[in-house]
């Protein structure tokens, strides 16, 4: 949706940076979205979060804010709470939905109750390992969940602190890596299959699925594989049967609707050999860099990315919030 030259362009303020481990990715995302919005005829500026942010928001009153902060403040609902406190409209999910999506065990539990397949898991805080004994706790994990396992922070993104455990003696180090990024670990059974990401956007006519992105990587799809070209190959649309593609899209729509998400989301899943998609997690502030998954889906969609991003911002500025 390119802005008419006879009207004042929509004024979008993009929040990028922050103090999380994903600061650099956030800055890259913010710059790329700003460039796309400007090419579509909108006014777009990028700002970090600092002590002058609230005063700036009150004085400039942008038409809409697009939070592209990654990590806790950008995805746990807090920055959206702040924007609501000063009465500014914004792109994306409200604080309540953001908190649910950010907490992976909660999101998985709600999705399972809604009928989605999701790997069996346990959620264990670091304090419990000290109180109950690490050896005893890890033994119970292996007895119940078996191998292979995936260990990840219960809250976090960009695969930071995530480990694939194929041997029992790898589990202690995986826990150490996980706890370096958060105090609570989510340990789940590893599902073998094809890793895919499905993005959902809502331009005012209801949520719609973008083309499914398949991820084929040399080794684990970790931080380096996500953001540095060369290790990962992407297929858009994914090399799935039509039936499996529809099932993956339905799962992403279920996550978007069941968890109360808005405007934009990305659901990560594994498709097993039987064609069943397994819900892993959902993102309310997905990466928007040159190697990120949603932009690749946008490239393959009926909407050029600049047009799509402009339409998302325009819908967010138009829609009313309670």
C-alpha atoms as a PDB file:
ATOM      1  CA  UNK A   1       0.000   0.000   0.000  1.00  0.00           C
ATOM      2  CA  UNK A   2       1.948   3.008  -1.234  1.00  0.00           C
ATOM      3  CA  UNK A   3       0.916   6.340   0.260  1.00  0.00           C
ATOM      4  CA  UNK A   4      -0.677   8.891  -2.043  1.00  0.00           C
ATOM      5  CA  UNK A   5       1.419  11.951  -2.796  1.00  0.00           C
ATOM      6  CA  UNK A   6      -1.609  14.169  -2.047  1.00  0.00           C
ATOM      7  CA  UNK A   7      -1.859  13.096   1.601  1.00  0.00           C
ATOM      8  CA  UNK A   8       0.518  13.311   4.522  1.00  0.00           C
ATOM      9  CA  UNK A   9       2.607  10.129   4.645  1.00  0.00           C
ATOM     10  CA  UNK A  10       2.027   7.842   7.605  1.00  0.00           C
ATOM     11  CA  UNK A  11       4.635   8.572  10.281  1.00  0.00           C
ATOM     12  CA  UNK A  12       6.131   5.340  11.654  1.00  0.00           C
ATOM     13  CA  UNK A  13       8.610   5.177  14.516  1.00  0.00           C
ATOM     14  CA  UNK A  14      10.561   1.904  14.641  1.00  0.00           C
ATOM     15  CA  UNK A  15      12.009   0.846  17.967  1.00  0.00           C
ATOM     16  CA  UNK A  16      15.212  -1.155  17.505  1.00  0.00           C
ATOM     17  CA  UNK A  17      18.273  -1.945  19.576  1.00  0.00           C
ATOM     18  CA  UNK A  18      17.689  -2.376  23.286  1.00  0.00           C
ATOM     19  CA  UNK A  19      19.981  -4.142  25.719  1.00  0.00           C
ATOM     20  CA  UNK A  20      19.271  -7.805  25.010  1.00  0.00           C
ATOM     21  CA  UNK A  21      21.693 -10.361  23.565  1.00  0.00           C
ATOM     22  CA  UNK A  22      19.906  -9.792  20.240  1.00  0.00           C
ATOM     23  CA  UNK A  23      20.612  -6.050  20.037  1.00  0.00           C
ATOM     24  CA  UNK A  24      22.560  -6.252  16.768  1.00  0.00           C
ATOM     25  CA  UNK A  25      19.824  -8.298  15.082  1.00  0.00           C
ATOM     26  CA  UNK A  26      17.207  -5.812  16.249  1.00  0.00           C
ATOM     27  CA  UNK A  27      19.157  -2.890  14.777  1.00  0.00           C
ATOM     28  CA  UNK A  28      19.517  -4.702  11.440  1.00  0.00           C
ATOM     29  CA  UNK A  29      15.806  -5.509  11.455  1.00  0.00           C
ATOM     30  CA  UNK A  30      14.891  -1.909  12.193  1.00  0.00           C
ATOM     31  CA  UNK A  31      17.015  -0.493   9.403  1.00  0.00           C
ATOM     32  CA  UNK A  32      15.609  -2.888   6.805  1.00  0.00           C
ATOM     33  CA  UNK A  33      11.994  -2.233   7.750  1.00  0.00           C
ATOM     34  CA  UNK A  34      12.610   1.519   7.734  1.00  0.00           C
ATOM     35  CA  UNK A  35      14.093   1.315   4.237  1.00  0.00           C
ATOM     36  CA  UNK A  36      11.115  -0.703   3.020  1.00  0.00           C
ATOM     37  CA  UNK A  37       8.574   1.699   4.513  1.00  0.00           C
ATOM     38  CA  UNK A  38      10.336   4.713   3.008  1.00  0.00           C
ATOM     39  CA  UNK A  39      10.359   3.056  -0.409  1.00  0.00           C
ATOM     40  CA  UNK A  40       6.584   2.648  -0.049  1.00  0.00           C
ATOM     41  CA  UNK A  41       6.183   6.359   0.589  1.00  0.00           C
ATOM     42  CA  UNK A  42       5.869   6.361   4.379  1.00  0.00           C
ATOM     43  CA  UNK A  43       7.895   8.401   6.839  1.00  0.00           C
ATOM     44  CA  UNK A  44      10.001   6.033   8.931  1.00  0.00           C
ATOM     45  CA  UNK A  45      12.485   6.790  11.690  1.00  0.00           C
ATOM     46  CA  UNK A  46      14.423   4.391  13.904  1.00  0.00           C
ATOM     47  CA  UNK A  47      14.922   4.968  17.613  1.00  0.00           C
ATOM     48  CA  UNK A  48      16.595   3.031  20.409  1.00  0.00           C
ATOM     49  CA  UNK A  49      15.067   2.708  23.864  1.00  0.00           C
ATOM     50  CA  UNK A  50      16.612   5.292  26.167  1.00  0.00           C
ATOM     51  CA  UNK A  51      15.559   7.724  28.922  1.00  0.00           C
ATOM     52  CA  UNK A  52      14.351  10.207  26.319  1.00  0.00           C
ATOM     53  CA  UNK A  53      11.936   7.815  24.589  1.00  0.00           C
ATOM     54  CA  UNK A  54       8.753   8.715  26.473  1.00  0.00           C
ATOM     55  CA  UNK A  55       9.312  12.448  26.146  1.00  0.00           C
ATOM     56  CA  UNK A  56       9.964  11.983  22.434  1.00  0.00           C
ATOM     57  CA  UNK A  57       6.789   9.933  21.963  1.00  0.00           C
ATOM     58  CA  UNK A  58       4.697  12.544  23.777  1.00  0.00           C
ATOM     59  CA  UNK A  59       6.138  15.424  21.751  1.00  0.00           C
ATOM     60  CA  UNK A  60       6.288  13.886  18.278  1.00  0.00           C
ATOM     61  CA  UNK A  61       3.203  11.624  18.507  1.00  0.00           C
ATOM     62  CA  UNK A  62       4.010   9.256  15.598  1.00  0.00           C
ATOM     63  CA  UNK A  63       1.014   7.704  13.876  1.00  0.00           C
ATOM     64  CA  UNK A  64       2.217   4.247  14.860  1.00  0.00           C
ATOM     65  CA  UNK A  65       5.200   2.617  16.559  1.00  0.00           C
ATOM     66  CA  UNK A  66       6.673  -0.622  15.226  1.00  0.00           C
ATOM     67  CA  UNK A  67       8.510  -2.425  18.054  1.00  0.00           C
ATOM     68  CA  UNK A  68      11.331  -4.476  16.551  1.00  0.00           C
ATOM     69  CA  UNK A  69      13.141  -5.036  19.831  1.00  0.00           C
ATOM     70  CA  UNK A  70      14.129  -8.661  20.369  1.00  0.00           C
ATOM     71  CA  UNK A  71      14.623 -10.389  23.688  1.00  0.00           C
ATOM     72  CA  UNK A  72      12.695  -9.777  26.882  1.00  0.00           C
ATOM     73  CA  UNK A  73      11.705  -6.100  26.719  1.00  0.00           C
ATOM     74  CA  UNK A  74      10.747  -6.372  23.077  1.00  0.00           C
ATOM     75  CA  UNK A  75       8.718  -9.566  23.287  1.00  0.00           C
ATOM     76  CA  UNK A  76       7.531 -10.066  26.880  1.00  0.00           C
ATOM     77  CA  UNK A  77       4.845  -7.385  26.658  1.00  0.00           C
ATOM     78  CA  UNK A  78       6.694  -4.714  28.632  1.00  0.00           C
ATOM     79  CA  UNK A  79       7.475  -2.319  25.768  1.00  0.00           C
ATOM     80  CA  UNK A  80       3.853  -2.644  24.624  1.00  0.00           C
ATOM     81  CA  UNK A  81       2.671  -1.862  28.160  1.00  0.00           C
ATOM     82  CA  UNK A  82       4.817   1.262  28.000  1.00  0.00           C
ATOM     83  CA  UNK A  83       3.357   2.304  24.652  1.00  0.00           C
ATOM     84  CA  UNK A  84      -0.157   1.845  25.978  1.00  0.00           C
ATOM     85  CA  UNK A  85       0.663   3.956  29.026  1.00  0.00           C
ATOM     86  CA  UNK A  86       1.384   6.925  26.758  1.00  0.00           C
ATOM     87  CA  UNK A  87      -1.491   6.145  24.387  1.00  0.00           C
ATOM     88  CA  UNK A  88       0.506   5.357  21.256  1.00  0.00           C
ATOM     89  CA  UNK A  89      -0.701   2.863  18.671  1.00  0.00           C
ATOM     90  CA  UNK A  90       1.715   0.140  17.694  1.00  0.00           C
ATOM     91  CA  UNK A  91       2.239  -2.763  15.348  1.00  0.00           C
ATOM     92  CA  UNK A  92       1.696  -6.193  16.786  1.00  0.00           C
ATOM     93  CA  UNK A  93       0.304  -8.113  19.700  1.00  0.00           C
ATOM     94  CA  UNK A  94      -0.929  -6.501  22.914  1.00  0.00           C
ATOM     95  CA  UNK A  95       0.896  -6.983  26.238  1.00  0.00           C
ATOM     96  CA  UNK A  96      -1.187  -9.987  27.355  1.00  0.00           C
ATOM     97  CA  UNK A  97      -0.696 -11.950  24.141  1.00  0.00           C
ATOM     98  CA  UNK A  98       2.993 -11.046  24.072  1.00  0.00           C
ATOM     99  CA  UNK A  99       3.517 -12.409  27.574  1.00  0.00           C
ATOM    100  CA  UNK A 100       1.872 -15.694  26.600  1.00  0.00           C
ATOM    101  CA  UNK A 101       3.921 -16.095  23.407  1.00  0.00           C
ATOM    102  CA  UNK A 102       7.172 -15.129  25.139  1.00  0.00           C
ATOM    103  CA  UNK A 103       6.746 -17.862  27.734  1.00  0.00           C
ATOM    104  CA  UNK A 104       7.334 -20.996  25.674  1.00  0.00           C
ATOM    105  CA  UNK A 105       5.954 -23.505  28.218  1.00  0.00           C
ATOM    106  CA  UNK A 106       2.733 -21.499  28.582  1.00  0.00           C
ATOM    107  CA  UNK A 107       2.336 -21.159  24.807  1.00  0.00           C
ATOM    108  CA  UNK A 108       2.975 -24.895  24.329  1.00  0.00           C
ATOM    109  CA  UNK A 109       0.446 -25.782  27.031  1.00  0.00           C
ATOM    110  CA  UNK A 110      -2.270 -23.611  25.498  1.00  0.00           C
ATOM    111  CA  UNK A 111      -1.563 -24.948  22.024  1.00  0.00           C
ATOM    112  CA  UNK A 112      -1.729 -28.536  23.280  1.00  0.00           C
ATOM    113  CA  UNK A 113      -5.097 -27.788  24.894  1.00  0.00           C
ATOM    114  CA  UNK A 114      -6.250 -26.396  21.555  1.00  0.00           C
ATOM    115  CA  UNK A 115      -5.392 -29.711  19.883  1.00  0.00           C
ATOM    116  CA  UNK A 116      -1.970 -28.948  18.424  1.00  0.00           C
ATOM    117  CA  UNK A 117       0.867 -31.457  18.494  1.00  0.00           C
ATOM    118  CA  UNK A 118       3.798 -30.194  20.552  1.00  0.00           C
ATOM    119  CA  UNK A 119       6.766 -32.175  21.925  1.00  0.00           C
ATOM    120  CA  UNK A 120       6.438 -33.461  25.497  1.00  0.00           C
ATOM    121  CA  UNK A 121       8.468 -31.270  27.825  1.00  0.00           C
ATOM    122  CA  UNK A 122       9.476 -30.361  31.344  1.00  0.00           C
ATOM    123  CA  UNK A 123      10.141 -26.872  32.692  1.00  0.00           C
ATOM    124  CA  UNK A 124      12.821 -26.676  35.377  1.00  0.00           C
ATOM    125  CA  UNK A 125      14.253 -23.606  37.136  1.00  0.00           C
ATOM    126  CA  UNK A 126      17.941 -23.423  37.961  1.00  0.00           C
ATOM    127  CA  UNK A 127      17.127 -23.212  41.663  1.00  0.00           C
ATOM    128  CA  UNK A 128      15.537 -26.670  41.588  1.00  0.00           C
ATOM    129  CA  UNK A 129      18.797 -28.224  40.418  1.00  0.00           C
ATOM    130  CA  UNK A 130      20.523 -26.797  43.497  1.00  0.00           C
ATOM    131  CA  UNK A 131      17.747 -27.862  45.865  1.00  0.00           C
ATOM    132  CA  UNK A 132      16.999 -31.350  44.535  1.00  0.00           C
ATOM    133  CA  UNK A 133      20.453 -32.194  43.191  1.00  0.00           C
ATOM    134  CA  UNK A 134      21.475 -31.855  39.559  1.00  0.00           C
ATOM    135  CA  UNK A 135      22.318 -35.546  39.117  1.00  0.00           C
ATOM    136  CA  UNK A 136      18.930 -36.682  40.446  1.00  0.00           C
ATOM    137  CA  UNK A 137      16.969 -34.150  38.393  1.00  0.00           C
ATOM    138  CA  UNK A 138      18.778 -34.935  35.147  1.00  0.00           C
ATOM    139  CA  UNK A 139      18.294 -38.649  35.745  1.00  0.00           C
ATOM    140  CA  UNK A 140      14.539 -38.100  36.078  1.00  0.00           C
ATOM    141  CA  UNK A 141      14.542 -36.065  32.846  1.00  0.00           C
ATOM    142  CA  UNK A 142      16.243 -38.850  30.930  1.00  0.00           C
ATOM    143  CA  UNK A 143      13.986 -41.522  32.422  1.00  0.00           C
ATOM    144  CA  UNK A 144      10.857 -39.647  31.426  1.00  0.00           C
ATOM    145  CA  UNK A 145      11.721 -37.946  28.146  1.00  0.00           C
ATOM    146  CA  UNK A 146      14.520 -40.138  26.804  1.00  0.00           C
ATOM    147  CA  UNK A 147      16.858 -39.053  23.996  1.00  0.00           C
ATOM    148  CA  UNK A 148      17.314 -37.043  21.876  1.00  0.00           C
ATOM    149  CA  UNK A 149      16.333 -33.862  23.715  1.00  0.00           C
ATOM    150  CA  UNK A 150      16.325 -30.157  23.009  1.00  0.00           C
ATOM    151  CA  UNK A 151      17.266 -27.855  25.880  1.00  0.00           C
ATOM    152  CA  UNK A 152      16.395 -24.172  25.598  1.00  0.00           C
ATOM    153  CA  UNK A 153      15.639 -21.159  27.810  1.00  0.00           C
ATOM    154  CA  UNK A 154      11.931 -21.011  28.629  1.00  0.00           C
ATOM    155  CA  UNK A 155      12.037 -17.415  27.457  1.00  0.00           C
ATOM    156  CA  UNK A 156      14.340 -16.234  24.701  1.00  0.00           C
ATOM    157  CA  UNK A 157      14.991 -16.087  20.984  1.00  0.00           C
ATOM    158  CA  UNK A 158      17.496 -16.491  18.154  1.00  0.00           C
ATOM    159  CA  UNK A 159      18.383 -19.993  19.422  1.00  0.00           C
ATOM    160  CA  UNK A 160      20.590 -18.491  22.131  1.00  0.00           C
ATOM    161  CA  UNK A 161      21.263 -21.107  24.813  1.00  0.00           C
ATOM    162  CA  UNK A 162      19.661 -23.898  22.759  1.00  0.00           C
ATOM    163  CA  UNK A 163      21.309 -27.344  22.574  1.00  0.00           C
ATOM    164  CA  UNK A 164      20.458 -30.640  20.917  1.00  0.00           C
ATOM    165  CA  UNK A 165      21.309 -33.510  23.278  1.00  0.00           C
ATOM    166  CA  UNK A 166      21.861 -36.915  21.689  1.00  0.00           C
ATOM    167  CA  UNK A 167      23.932 -38.519  24.450  1.00  0.00           C
ATOM    168  CA  UNK A 168      23.251 -38.503  28.191  1.00  0.00           C
ATOM    169  CA  UNK A 169      26.679 -37.059  29.024  1.00  0.00           C
ATOM    170  CA  UNK A 170      25.868 -33.974  26.897  1.00  0.00           C
ATOM    171  CA  UNK A 171      22.930 -32.968  29.093  1.00  0.00           C
ATOM    172  CA  UNK A 172      24.823 -31.254  31.962  1.00  0.00           C
ATOM    173  CA  UNK A 173      26.691 -28.948  29.569  1.00  0.00           C
ATOM    174  CA  UNK A 174      23.451 -28.206  27.726  1.00  0.00           C
ATOM    175  CA  UNK A 175      21.911 -27.086  31.012  1.00  0.00           C
ATOM    176  CA  UNK A 176      24.885 -24.822  31.729  1.00  0.00           C
ATOM    177  CA  UNK A 177      24.543 -23.241  28.269  1.00  0.00           C
ATOM    178  CA  UNK A 178      20.819 -22.770  28.768  1.00  0.00           C
ATOM    179  CA  UNK A 179      21.129 -21.186  32.207  1.00  0.00           C
ATOM    180  CA  UNK A 180      23.617 -18.652  30.873  1.00  0.00           C
ATOM    181  CA  UNK A 181      20.647 -17.065  29.053  1.00  0.00           C
ATOM    182  CA  UNK A 182      17.846 -17.599  31.559  1.00  0.00           C
ATOM    183  CA  UNK A 183      16.929 -19.038  34.937  1.00  0.00           C
ATOM    184  CA  UNK A 184      14.334 -21.519  33.657  1.00  0.00           C
ATOM    185  CA  UNK A 185      14.995 -24.346  31.191  1.00  0.00           C
ATOM    186  CA  UNK A 186      12.514 -25.952  28.845  1.00  0.00           C
ATOM    187  CA  UNK A 187      13.585 -29.522  28.068  1.00  0.00           C
ATOM    188  CA  UNK A 188      11.590 -31.224  25.327  1.00  0.00           C
ATOM    189  CA  UNK A 189      11.739 -34.354  23.234  1.00  0.00           C
ATOM    190  CA  UNK A 190      13.454 -33.686  19.922  1.00  0.00           C
ATOM    191  CA  UNK A 191      11.238 -34.300  16.903  1.00  0.00           C
ATOM    192  CA  UNK A 192      12.952 -35.492  13.740  1.00  0.00           C
ATOM    193  CA  UNK A 193      11.783 -33.947  10.526  1.00  0.00           C
ATOM    194  CA  UNK A 194      11.771 -30.791   8.438  1.00  0.00           C
ATOM    195  CA  UNK A 195      12.106 -27.468  10.217  1.00  0.00           C
ATOM    196  CA  UNK A 196       9.743 -24.826   8.855  1.00  0.00           C
ATOM    197  CA  UNK A 197       8.544 -21.363   9.787  1.00  0.00           C
ATOM    198  CA  UNK A 198       5.102 -20.025   8.957  1.00  0.00           C
ATOM    199  CA  UNK A 199       4.382 -16.302   9.141  1.00  0.00           C
ATOM    200  CA  UNK A 200       0.921 -14.820   9.580  1.00  0.00           C
ATOM    201  CA  UNK A 201      -0.109 -11.242   8.820  1.00  0.00           C
ATOM    202  CA  UNK A 202      -3.391  -9.430   9.292  1.00  0.00           C
ATOM    203  CA  UNK A 203      -4.000  -6.463   7.014  1.00  0.00           C
ATOM    204  CA  UNK A 204      -7.493  -5.799   8.341  1.00  0.00           C
ATOM    205  CA  UNK A 205      -9.377  -8.622   6.647  1.00  0.00           C
ATOM    206  CA  UNK A 206      -8.342 -11.404   9.002  1.00  0.00           C
ATOM    207  CA  UNK A 207      -5.095 -13.348   9.477  1.00  0.00           C
ATOM    208  CA  UNK A 208      -3.542 -14.838   6.361  1.00  0.00           C
ATOM    209  CA  UNK A 209      -0.628 -17.220   5.957  1.00  0.00           C
ATOM    210  CA  UNK A 210       2.485 -16.291   3.997  1.00  0.00           C
ATOM    211  CA  UNK A 211       4.388 -18.970   2.049  1.00  0.00           C
ATOM    212  CA  UNK A 212       5.960 -21.629   4.268  1.00  0.00           C
ATOM    213  CA  UNK A 213       9.748 -21.348   4.663  1.00  0.00           C
ATOM    214  CA  UNK A 214      11.790 -24.560   4.918  1.00  0.00           C
ATOM    215  CA  UNK A 215      15.101 -24.420   6.753  1.00  0.00           C
ATOM    216  CA  UNK A 216      17.911 -26.774   5.724  1.00  0.00           C
ATOM    217  CA  UNK A 217      21.090 -26.158   7.681  1.00  0.00           C
ATOM    218  CA  UNK A 218      24.546 -27.652   8.101  1.00  0.00           C
ATOM    219  CA  UNK A 219      24.294 -28.694  11.748  1.00  0.00           C
ATOM    220  CA  UNK A 220      22.068 -26.981  14.307  1.00  0.00           C
ATOM    221  CA  UNK A 221      19.972 -23.992  13.276  1.00  0.00           C
ATOM    222  CA  UNK A 222      21.745 -21.863  15.877  1.00  0.00           C
ATOM    223  CA  UNK A 223      22.492 -18.135  16.120  1.00  0.00           C
ATOM    224  CA  UNK A 224      25.332 -18.276  13.601  1.00  0.00           C
ATOM    225  CA  UNK A 225      23.288 -20.303  11.115  1.00  0.00           C
ATOM    226  CA  UNK A 226      20.375 -17.877  11.402  1.00  0.00           C
ATOM    227  CA  UNK A 227      22.173 -14.621  10.780  1.00  0.00           C
ATOM    228  CA  UNK A 228      25.326 -15.406   8.804  1.00  0.00           C
ATOM    229  CA  UNK A 229      24.912 -16.439   5.195  1.00  0.00           C
ATOM    230  CA  UNK A 230      26.371 -19.728   4.019  1.00  0.00           C
ATOM    231  CA  UNK A 231      25.422 -22.354   6.582  1.00  0.00           C
ATOM    232  CA  UNK A 232      21.690 -22.454   5.899  1.00  0.00           C
ATOM    233  CA  UNK A 233      19.662 -23.014   2.758  1.00  0.00           C
ATOM    234  CA  UNK A 234      16.058 -21.877   2.582  1.00  0.00           C
ATOM    235  CA  UNK A 235      13.269 -23.147   0.361  1.00  0.00           C
ATOM    236  CA  UNK A 236      10.285 -20.877  -0.210  1.00  0.00           C
ATOM    237  CA  UNK A 237       7.769 -22.319  -0.601  1.00  0.00           C
ATOM    238  CA  UNK A 238       8.805 -25.313   1.492  1.00  0.00           C
ATOM    239  CA  UNK A 239       9.202 -28.696  -0.200  1.00  0.00           C
ATOM    240  CA  UNK A 240       6.064 -30.105   1.393  1.00  0.00           C
ATOM    241  CA  UNK A 241       2.999 -31.780  -0.057  1.00  0.00           C
ATOM    242  CA  UNK A 242      -0.077 -29.569  -0.522  1.00  0.00           C
ATOM    243  CA  UNK A 243      -1.783 -31.353   2.384  1.00  0.00           C
ATOM    244  CA  UNK A 244       1.184 -30.839   4.713  1.00  0.00           C
ATOM    245  CA  UNK A 245       1.548 -27.216   3.614  1.00  0.00           C
ATOM    246  CA  UNK A 246      -2.098 -26.609   4.540  1.00  0.00           C
ATOM    247  CA  UNK A 247      -1.589 -28.341   7.897  1.00  0.00           C
ATOM    248  CA  UNK A 248       1.423 -26.142   8.654  1.00  0.00           C
ATOM    249  CA  UNK A 249      -0.551 -23.033   7.736  1.00  0.00           C
ATOM    250  CA  UNK A 250      -3.479 -24.144   9.882  1.00  0.00           C
ATOM    251  CA  UNK A 251      -1.143 -24.623  12.855  1.00  0.00           C
ATOM    252  CA  UNK A 252       0.265 -21.105  12.437  1.00  0.00           C
ATOM    253  CA  UNK A 253      -3.253 -19.667  12.201  1.00  0.00           C
ATOM    254  CA  UNK A 254      -4.265 -21.600  15.314  1.00  0.00           C
ATOM    255  CA  UNK A 255      -1.308 -20.153  17.211  1.00  0.00           C
ATOM    256  CA  UNK A 256      -2.069 -16.630  16.007  1.00  0.00           C
ATOM    257  CA  UNK A 257      -5.716 -16.840  17.008  1.00  0.00           C
ATOM    258  CA  UNK A 258      -5.507 -19.067  20.093  1.00  0.00           C
ATOM    259  CA  UNK A 259      -2.754 -17.005  21.745  1.00  0.00           C
ATOM    260  CA  UNK A 260      -4.389 -13.670  20.920  1.00  0.00           C
ATOM    261  CA  UNK A 261      -1.762 -12.336  18.502  1.00  0.00           C
ATOM    262  CA  UNK A 262      -2.183  -9.356  16.183  1.00  0.00           C
ATOM    263  CA  UNK A 263      -0.892  -7.955  12.876  1.00  0.00           C
ATOM    264  CA  UNK A 264       2.168 -10.160  12.544  1.00  0.00           C
ATOM    265  CA  UNK A 265       3.548 -13.412  13.965  1.00  0.00           C
ATOM    266  CA  UNK A 266       5.820 -16.288  13.026  1.00  0.00           C
ATOM    267  CA  UNK A 267       5.340 -19.860  14.223  1.00  0.00           C
ATOM    268  CA  UNK A 268       8.257 -22.288  14.249  1.00  0.00           C
ATOM    269  CA  UNK A 269       7.523 -25.988  13.849  1.00  0.00           C
ATOM    270  CA  UNK A 270       8.917 -29.368  12.856  1.00  0.00           C
ATOM    271  CA  UNK A 271       7.115 -31.482  10.252  1.00  0.00           C
ATOM    272  CA  UNK A 272       7.670 -35.178  10.946  1.00  0.00           C
ATOM    273  CA  UNK A 273       7.889 -38.017   8.416  1.00  0.00           C
ATOM    274  CA  UNK A 274       4.119 -38.586   8.631  1.00  0.00           C
ATOM    275  CA  UNK A 275       3.447 -34.978   7.603  1.00  0.00           C
ATOM    276  CA  UNK A 276       2.363 -33.823  11.081  1.00  0.00           C
ATOM    277  CA  UNK A 277       3.525 -30.309  12.061  1.00  0.00           C
ATOM    278  CA  UNK A 278       4.674 -30.005  15.679  1.00  0.00           C
ATOM    279  CA  UNK A 279       4.397 -26.619  17.392  1.00  0.00           C
ATOM    280  CA  UNK A 280       7.659 -25.374  18.919  1.00  0.00           C
ATOM    281  CA  UNK A 281       7.172 -21.665  19.593  1.00  0.00           C
ATOM    282  CA  UNK A 282       5.708 -18.462  18.213  1.00  0.00           C
ATOM    283  CA  UNK A 283       7.289 -15.020  17.815  1.00  0.00           C
ATOM    284  CA  UNK A 284       5.498 -11.664  18.099  1.00  0.00           C
ATOM    285  CA  UNK A 285       8.550  -9.648  16.984  1.00  0.00           C
ATOM    286  CA  UNK A 286      10.173 -11.874  14.362  1.00  0.00           C
ATOM    287  CA  UNK A 287      13.522 -10.920  12.903  1.00  0.00           C
ATOM    288  CA  UNK A 288      13.412  -8.788   9.766  1.00  0.00           C
ATOM    289  CA  UNK A 289      17.026  -8.998   8.581  1.00  0.00           C
ATOM    290  CA  UNK A 290      18.155 -10.078   5.114  1.00  0.00           C
ATOM    291  CA  UNK A 291      18.331 -13.722   6.252  1.00  0.00           C
ATOM    292  CA  UNK A 292      15.248 -13.708   8.500  1.00  0.00           C
ATOM    293  CA  UNK A 293      12.310 -15.956   7.768  1.00  0.00           C
ATOM    294  CA  UNK A 294       9.356 -13.587   7.541  1.00  0.00           C
ATOM    295  CA  UNK A 295      11.014 -11.332   4.939  1.00  0.00           C
ATOM    296  CA  UNK A 296      11.771 -14.416   2.824  1.00  0.00           C
ATOM    297  CA  UNK A 297       8.123 -15.427   3.051  1.00  0.00           C
ATOM    298  CA  UNK A 298       7.103 -11.895   2.083  1.00  0.00           C
ATOM    299  CA  UNK A 299       9.401 -12.026  -0.954  1.00  0.00           C
ATOM    300  CA  UNK A 300       7.579 -15.149  -2.134  1.00  0.00           C
ATOM    301  CA  UNK A 301       4.085 -13.813  -1.422  1.00  0.00           C
ATOM    302  CA  UNK A 302       1.680 -11.873  -3.611  1.00  0.00           C
ATOM    303  CA  UNK A 303       2.710  -8.677  -1.805  1.00  0.00           C
ATOM    304  CA  UNK A 304       6.141  -7.100  -2.353  1.00  0.00           C
ATOM    305  CA  UNK A 305       7.767  -6.663   1.086  1.00  0.00           C
ATOM    306  CA  UNK A 306       7.614  -2.850   1.019  1.00  0.00           C
ATOM    307  CA  UNK A 307       3.908  -2.960   0.193  1.00  0.00           C
ATOM    308  CA  UNK A 308       3.262  -5.627   2.821  1.00  0.00           C
ATOM    309  CA  UNK A 309       5.099  -3.762   5.596  1.00  0.00           C
ATOM    310  CA  UNK A 310       3.346  -0.508   4.683  1.00  0.00           C
ATOM    311  CA  UNK A 311      -0.023  -2.258   4.824  1.00  0.00           C
ATOM    312  CA  UNK A 312       0.799  -3.738   8.248  1.00  0.00           C
ATOM    313  CA  UNK A 313       1.784  -0.320   9.612  1.00  0.00           C
ATOM    314  CA  UNK A 314      -1.283   1.319   8.083  1.00  0.00           C
ATOM    315  CA  UNK A 315      -3.626  -1.273   9.589  1.00  0.00           C
ATOM    316  CA  UNK A 316      -1.999  -0.893  13.015  1.00  0.00           C
ATOM    317  CA  UNK A 317      -2.388   2.891  12.836  1.00  0.00           C
ATOM    318  CA  UNK A 318      -6.025   2.547  11.746  1.00  0.00           C
ATOM    319  CA  UNK A 319      -7.226  -0.107  14.171  1.00  0.00           C
ATOM    320  CA  UNK A 320      -8.580   0.951  17.527  1.00  0.00           C
ATOM    321  CA  UNK A 321      -7.330  -0.501  20.791  1.00  0.00           C
ATOM    322  CA  UNK A 322      -9.373  -0.794  23.944  1.00  0.00           C
END
